[in-house]
Amino acid sequence: QALLAMFTVVDSTQVPTASAVWGVSEWGAAEWGSQDGLFESLLIKLNEKNKSKNNNVRDVLIAETAIQRNLVLVTDDSDLAEVVRNTGGTVMGHAQLLSDSHAC
């Protein structure tokens, strides 16, 4: 129910990821990426924190995109949240998003 509630709170505009990863990214839904090394840095840090979980590449694509576009990353993954915050990104959990949206 909480997940379904998110769809009424969050803008549903699809944003292309800031980088593309072969075999993961969808054609037309990703950009080539920059040479600033942010994607690689985030991936290394997240892999170190959570022992290289299978979904880290996908999570980092989303995280990098949020950072590059000054968007808020909504996640309850504490490892990902810490890596993003330490890189200068903004993060909130889904409970905070729901409580903030009800306050408006």
N, C-alpha and C. Protein backbone atom coordinates (compact mmCIF):
# COMPACT_ATOMS: atom_id res chain seq x y z
N GLN A 1 0.82 -1.19 0.00
CA GLN A 1 0.00 0.00 0.00
C GLN A 1 0.86 1.26 0.00
N ALA A 2 1.95 1.22 0.77
CA ALA A 2 2.85 2.38 0.82
C ALA A 2 3.45 2.66 -0.55
N LEU A 3 3.83 1.60 -1.27
CA LEU A 3 4.40 1.77 -2.60
C LEU A 3 3.38 2.37 -3.56
N LEU A 4 2.16 1.89 -3.52
CA LEU A 4 1.12 2.44 -4.38
C LEU A 4 0.84 3.90 -4.05
N ALA A 5 0.90 4.24 -2.78
CA ALA A 5 0.69 5.62 -2.37
C ALA A 5 1.75 6.55 -2.97
N MET A 6 2.97 6.03 -3.15
CA MET A 6 4.05 6.82 -3.74
C MET A 6 3.68 7.33 -5.13
N PHE A 7 2.97 6.52 -5.89
CA PHE A 7 2.65 6.91 -7.26
C PHE A 7 1.69 8.09 -7.31
N THR A 8 0.96 8.34 -6.23
CA THR A 8 0.09 9.50 -6.20
C THR A 8 0.83 10.74 -5.72
N VAL A 9 2.00 10.55 -5.10
CA VAL A 9 2.77 11.65 -4.52
C VAL A 9 3.85 12.15 -5.46
N VAL A 10 4.49 11.26 -6.19
CA VAL A 10 5.68 11.56 -6.97
C VAL A 10 5.32 11.83 -8.42
N ASP A 11 5.96 12.84 -8.99
CA ASP A 11 5.82 13.14 -10.41
C ASP A 11 6.25 11.93 -11.21
N SER A 12 5.47 11.55 -12.19
CA SER A 12 5.74 10.32 -12.93
C SER A 12 6.52 10.54 -14.23
N THR A 13 7.19 11.66 -14.36
CA THR A 13 7.99 11.92 -15.55
C THR A 13 9.20 11.00 -15.58
N GLN A 14 9.41 10.33 -16.70
CA GLN A 14 10.59 9.47 -16.83
C GLN A 14 11.79 10.32 -17.20
N VAL A 15 12.87 10.13 -16.46
CA VAL A 15 14.11 10.87 -16.67
C VAL A 15 15.16 9.89 -17.15
N PRO A 16 15.85 10.18 -18.26
CA PRO A 16 16.92 9.27 -18.69
C PRO A 16 18.04 9.22 -17.66
N THR A 17 18.62 8.06 -17.47
CA THR A 17 19.75 7.96 -16.55
C THR A 17 20.92 8.75 -17.12
N ALA A 18 21.76 9.27 -16.23
CA ALA A 18 22.88 10.12 -16.62
C ALA A 18 24.00 9.34 -17.29
N SER A 19 23.99 8.02 -17.16
CA SER A 19 24.97 7.15 -17.81
C SER A 19 24.24 5.94 -18.37
N ALA A 20 24.94 5.19 -19.18
CA ALA A 20 24.39 3.96 -19.75
C ALA A 20 25.33 2.81 -19.43
N VAL A 21 24.74 1.65 -19.14
CA VAL A 21 25.51 0.44 -18.88
C VAL A 21 24.98 -0.64 -19.82
N TRP A 22 25.88 -1.21 -20.60
CA TRP A 22 25.51 -2.24 -21.57
C TRP A 22 24.84 -3.40 -20.85
N GLY A 23 23.70 -3.85 -21.37
CA GLY A 23 22.99 -4.97 -20.79
C GLY A 23 22.08 -4.60 -19.64
N VAL A 24 22.12 -3.34 -19.23
CA VAL A 24 21.27 -2.87 -18.13
C VAL A 24 20.37 -1.74 -18.61
N SER A 25 20.96 -0.73 -19.23
CA SER A 25 20.22 0.45 -19.66
C SER A 25 19.36 0.14 -20.88
N GLU A 26 18.24 0.84 -20.96
CA GLU A 26 17.36 0.71 -22.12
C GLU A 26 17.72 1.77 -23.15
N TRP A 27 17.71 1.37 -24.42
CA TRP A 27 18.00 2.30 -25.50
C TRP A 27 16.99 3.43 -25.46
N GLY A 28 17.44 4.65 -25.51
CA GLY A 28 16.56 5.81 -25.47
C GLY A 28 16.21 6.27 -24.07
N ALA A 29 16.60 5.52 -23.05
CA ALA A 29 16.28 5.88 -21.67
C ALA A 29 17.54 6.16 -20.87
N ALA A 30 18.65 6.40 -21.59
CA ALA A 30 19.93 6.65 -20.91
C ALA A 30 20.78 7.57 -21.77
N GLU A 31 21.64 8.31 -21.11
CA GLU A 31 22.61 9.16 -21.81
C GLU A 31 23.95 8.46 -21.82
N TRP A 32 24.86 8.95 -22.62
CA TRP A 32 26.19 8.33 -22.73
C TRP A 32 26.97 8.41 -21.44
N GLY A 33 26.71 9.43 -20.66
CA GLY A 33 27.46 9.61 -19.42
C GLY A 33 28.58 10.61 -19.59
N SER A 34 29.05 11.09 -18.47
CA SER A 34 30.13 12.07 -18.51
C SER A 34 31.44 11.40 -18.14
N GLN A 35 32.49 12.13 -18.29
CA GLN A 35 33.83 11.62 -17.98
C GLN A 35 34.28 12.04 -16.59
N ASP A 36 33.34 12.47 -15.73
CA ASP A 36 33.72 12.95 -14.41
C ASP A 36 34.00 11.84 -13.40
N GLY A 37 33.69 10.60 -13.76
CA GLY A 37 33.99 9.47 -12.88
C GLY A 37 33.00 9.26 -11.75
N LEU A 38 31.90 10.02 -11.73
CA LEU A 38 30.93 9.90 -10.64
C LEU A 38 30.31 8.50 -10.59
N PHE A 39 29.88 7.98 -11.73
CA PHE A 39 29.28 6.65 -11.75
C PHE A 39 30.23 5.62 -11.15
N GLU A 40 31.46 5.61 -11.63
CA GLU A 40 32.44 4.63 -11.17
C GLU A 40 32.73 4.79 -9.68
N SER A 41 32.85 6.02 -9.22
CA SER A 41 33.11 6.29 -7.81
C SER A 41 31.97 5.80 -6.92
N LEU A 42 30.74 6.10 -7.32
CA LEU A 42 29.58 5.64 -6.55
C LEU A 42 29.53 4.12 -6.51
N LEU A 43 29.80 3.48 -7.65
CA LEU A 43 29.73 2.02 -7.71
C LEU A 43 30.79 1.38 -6.81
N ILE A 44 31.99 1.90 -6.84
CA ILE A 44 33.06 1.37 -5.99
C ILE A 44 32.67 1.50 -4.52
N LYS A 45 32.19 2.67 -4.13
CA LYS A 45 31.82 2.91 -2.73
C LYS A 45 30.67 2.01 -2.29
N LEU A 46 29.66 1.86 -3.14
CA LEU A 46 28.52 1.02 -2.79
C LEU A 46 28.93 -0.45 -2.73
N ASN A 47 29.75 -0.89 -3.68
CA ASN A 47 30.23 -2.28 -3.66
C ASN A 47 31.01 -2.58 -2.39
N GLU A 48 31.80 -1.61 -1.92
CA GLU A 48 32.57 -1.79 -0.69
C GLU A 48 31.65 -1.90 0.53
N LYS A 49 30.56 -1.13 0.53
CA LYS A 49 29.65 -1.11 1.68
C LYS A 49 28.79 -2.37 1.76
N ASN A 50 28.32 -2.87 0.62
CA ASN A 50 27.34 -3.96 0.69
C ASN A 50 27.79 -5.24 -0.02
N LYS A 51 29.08 -5.40 -0.18
CA LYS A 51 29.65 -6.62 -0.75
C LYS A 51 29.13 -6.91 -2.17
N SER A 52 29.01 -5.88 -2.97
CA SER A 52 28.69 -5.98 -4.41
C SER A 52 27.36 -6.68 -4.68
N LYS A 53 26.29 -6.19 -4.08
CA LYS A 53 24.96 -6.74 -4.36
C LYS A 53 24.66 -6.69 -5.86
N ASN A 54 23.83 -7.60 -6.32
CA ASN A 54 23.52 -7.72 -7.75
C ASN A 54 22.89 -6.46 -8.34
N ASN A 55 22.13 -5.72 -7.56
CA ASN A 55 21.42 -4.55 -8.11
C ASN A 55 22.20 -3.25 -7.97
N ASN A 56 23.47 -3.30 -7.57
CA ASN A 56 24.24 -2.07 -7.36
C ASN A 56 24.36 -1.21 -8.62
N VAL A 57 24.56 -1.82 -9.77
CA VAL A 57 24.70 -1.03 -11.00
C VAL A 57 23.42 -0.25 -11.26
N ARG A 58 22.28 -0.90 -11.11
CA ARG A 58 21.00 -0.21 -11.33
C ARG A 58 20.81 0.91 -10.30
N ASP A 59 21.11 0.60 -9.04
CA ASP A 59 20.97 1.62 -7.99
C ASP A 59 21.87 2.82 -8.25
N VAL A 60 23.09 2.57 -8.70
CA VAL A 60 24.02 3.65 -8.96
C VAL A 60 23.61 4.47 -10.18
N LEU A 61 23.03 3.85 -11.18
CA LEU A 61 22.51 4.61 -12.32
C LEU A 61 21.46 5.62 -11.83
N ILE A 62 20.59 5.17 -10.96
CA ILE A 62 19.55 6.06 -10.43
C ILE A 62 20.16 7.12 -9.52
N ALA A 63 21.07 6.72 -8.65
CA ALA A 63 21.71 7.66 -7.73
C ALA A 63 22.50 8.73 -8.47
N GLU A 64 23.29 8.31 -9.44
CA GLU A 64 24.07 9.27 -10.22
C GLU A 64 23.15 10.27 -10.92
N THR A 65 22.07 9.78 -11.46
CA THR A 65 21.12 10.64 -12.16
C THR A 65 20.53 11.67 -11.19
N ALA A 66 20.16 11.23 -9.99
CA ALA A 66 19.62 12.16 -9.00
C ALA A 66 20.66 13.23 -8.65
N ILE A 67 21.90 12.83 -8.43
CA ILE A 67 22.95 13.78 -8.09
C ILE A 67 23.19 14.76 -9.24
N GLN A 68 23.34 14.25 -10.45
CA GLN A 68 23.64 15.10 -11.62
C GLN A 68 22.53 16.12 -11.89
N ARG A 69 21.29 15.74 -11.60
CA ARG A 69 20.15 16.60 -11.93
C ARG A 69 19.58 17.33 -10.71
N ASN A 70 20.29 17.25 -9.58
CA ASN A 70 19.84 17.90 -8.34
C ASN A 70 18.44 17.45 -7.94
N LEU A 71 18.19 16.15 -8.04
CA LEU A 71 16.93 15.56 -7.62
C LEU A 71 17.12 14.88 -6.27
N VAL A 72 16.04 14.62 -5.58
CA VAL A 72 16.09 13.91 -4.31
C VAL A 72 15.93 12.41 -4.61
N LEU A 73 16.87 11.63 -4.11
CA LEU A 73 16.79 10.18 -4.23
C LEU A 73 15.94 9.65 -3.09
N VAL A 74 14.90 8.90 -3.41
CA VAL A 74 14.06 8.28 -2.40
C VAL A 74 14.44 6.81 -2.32
N THR A 75 14.99 6.41 -1.17
CA THR A 75 15.40 5.02 -0.97
C THR A 75 15.40 4.70 0.51
N ASP A 76 15.13 3.44 0.80
CA ASP A 76 15.26 2.94 2.17
C ASP A 76 16.49 2.05 2.30
N ASP A 77 17.33 2.03 1.27
CA ASP A 77 18.58 1.28 1.30
C ASP A 77 19.61 2.15 2.02
N SER A 78 19.94 1.79 3.25
CA SER A 78 20.82 2.64 4.07
C SER A 78 22.22 2.77 3.48
N ASP A 79 22.73 1.70 2.86
CA ASP A 79 24.06 1.79 2.23
C ASP A 79 24.07 2.77 1.08
N LEU A 80 23.08 2.66 0.21
CA LEU A 80 22.98 3.57 -0.93
C LEU A 80 22.78 5.01 -0.44
N ALA A 81 21.91 5.19 0.54
CA ALA A 81 21.66 6.54 1.07
C ALA A 81 22.94 7.17 1.61
N GLU A 82 23.72 6.39 2.34
CA GLU A 82 24.97 6.92 2.91
C GLU A 82 25.96 7.30 1.81
N VAL A 83 26.09 6.47 0.81
CA VAL A 83 27.02 6.76 -0.30
C VAL A 83 26.59 8.03 -1.02
N VAL A 84 25.30 8.18 -1.28
CA VAL A 84 24.81 9.37 -1.98
C VAL A 84 25.00 10.61 -1.13
N ARG A 85 24.65 10.55 0.14
CA ARG A 85 24.84 11.72 1.03
C ARG A 85 26.31 12.12 1.09
N ASN A 86 27.20 11.13 1.20
CA ASN A 86 28.63 11.42 1.29
C ASN A 86 29.19 11.99 -0.01
N THR A 87 28.44 11.86 -1.09
CA THR A 87 28.86 12.38 -2.39
C THR A 87 28.17 13.72 -2.68
N GLY A 88 27.38 14.20 -1.75
CA GLY A 88 26.74 15.50 -1.91
C GLY A 88 25.32 15.46 -2.41
N GLY A 89 24.75 14.26 -2.53
CA GLY A 89 23.38 14.13 -2.98
C GLY A 89 22.39 14.27 -1.84
N THR A 90 21.13 14.43 -2.19
CA THR A 90 20.05 14.56 -1.23
C THR A 90 19.22 13.28 -1.25
N VAL A 91 18.93 12.75 -0.06
CA VAL A 91 18.23 11.47 0.07
C VAL A 91 17.14 11.58 1.12
N MET A 92 16.03 10.89 0.87
CA MET A 92 15.01 10.72 1.89
C MET A 92 14.41 9.33 1.76
N GLY A 93 13.90 8.81 2.85
CA GLY A 93 13.23 7.52 2.85
C GLY A 93 11.78 7.68 2.41
N HIS A 94 11.14 6.56 2.09
CA HIS A 94 9.76 6.67 1.59
C HIS A 94 8.81 7.16 2.67
N ALA A 95 9.04 6.84 3.94
CA ALA A 95 8.17 7.31 5.02
C ALA A 95 8.25 8.84 5.12
N GLN A 96 9.45 9.39 4.98
CA GLN A 96 9.61 10.85 5.02
C GLN A 96 8.91 11.49 3.83
N LEU A 97 9.02 10.88 2.66
CA LEU A 97 8.35 11.42 1.48
C LEU A 97 6.85 11.45 1.70
N LEU A 98 6.29 10.37 2.22
CA LEU A 98 4.85 10.32 2.46
C LEU A 98 4.42 11.32 3.52
N SER A 99 5.19 11.44 4.60
CA SER A 99 4.81 12.38 5.66
C SER A 99 4.94 13.82 5.18
N ASP A 100 5.98 14.11 4.40
CA ASP A 100 6.15 15.47 3.86
C ASP A 100 5.03 15.81 2.88
N SER A 101 4.59 14.84 2.09
CA SER A 101 3.55 15.11 1.10
C SER A 101 2.20 15.30 1.78
N HIS A 102 1.96 14.66 2.91
CA HIS A 102 0.71 14.83 3.62
C HIS A 102 0.67 16.17 4.36
N ALA A 103 1.85 16.72 4.63
CA ALA A 103 1.91 18.01 5.33
C ALA A 103 1.58 19.17 4.39
N CYS A 104 1.67 18.93 3.08
CA CYS A 104 1.42 20.01 2.11
C CYS A 104 -0.06 20.29 1.93
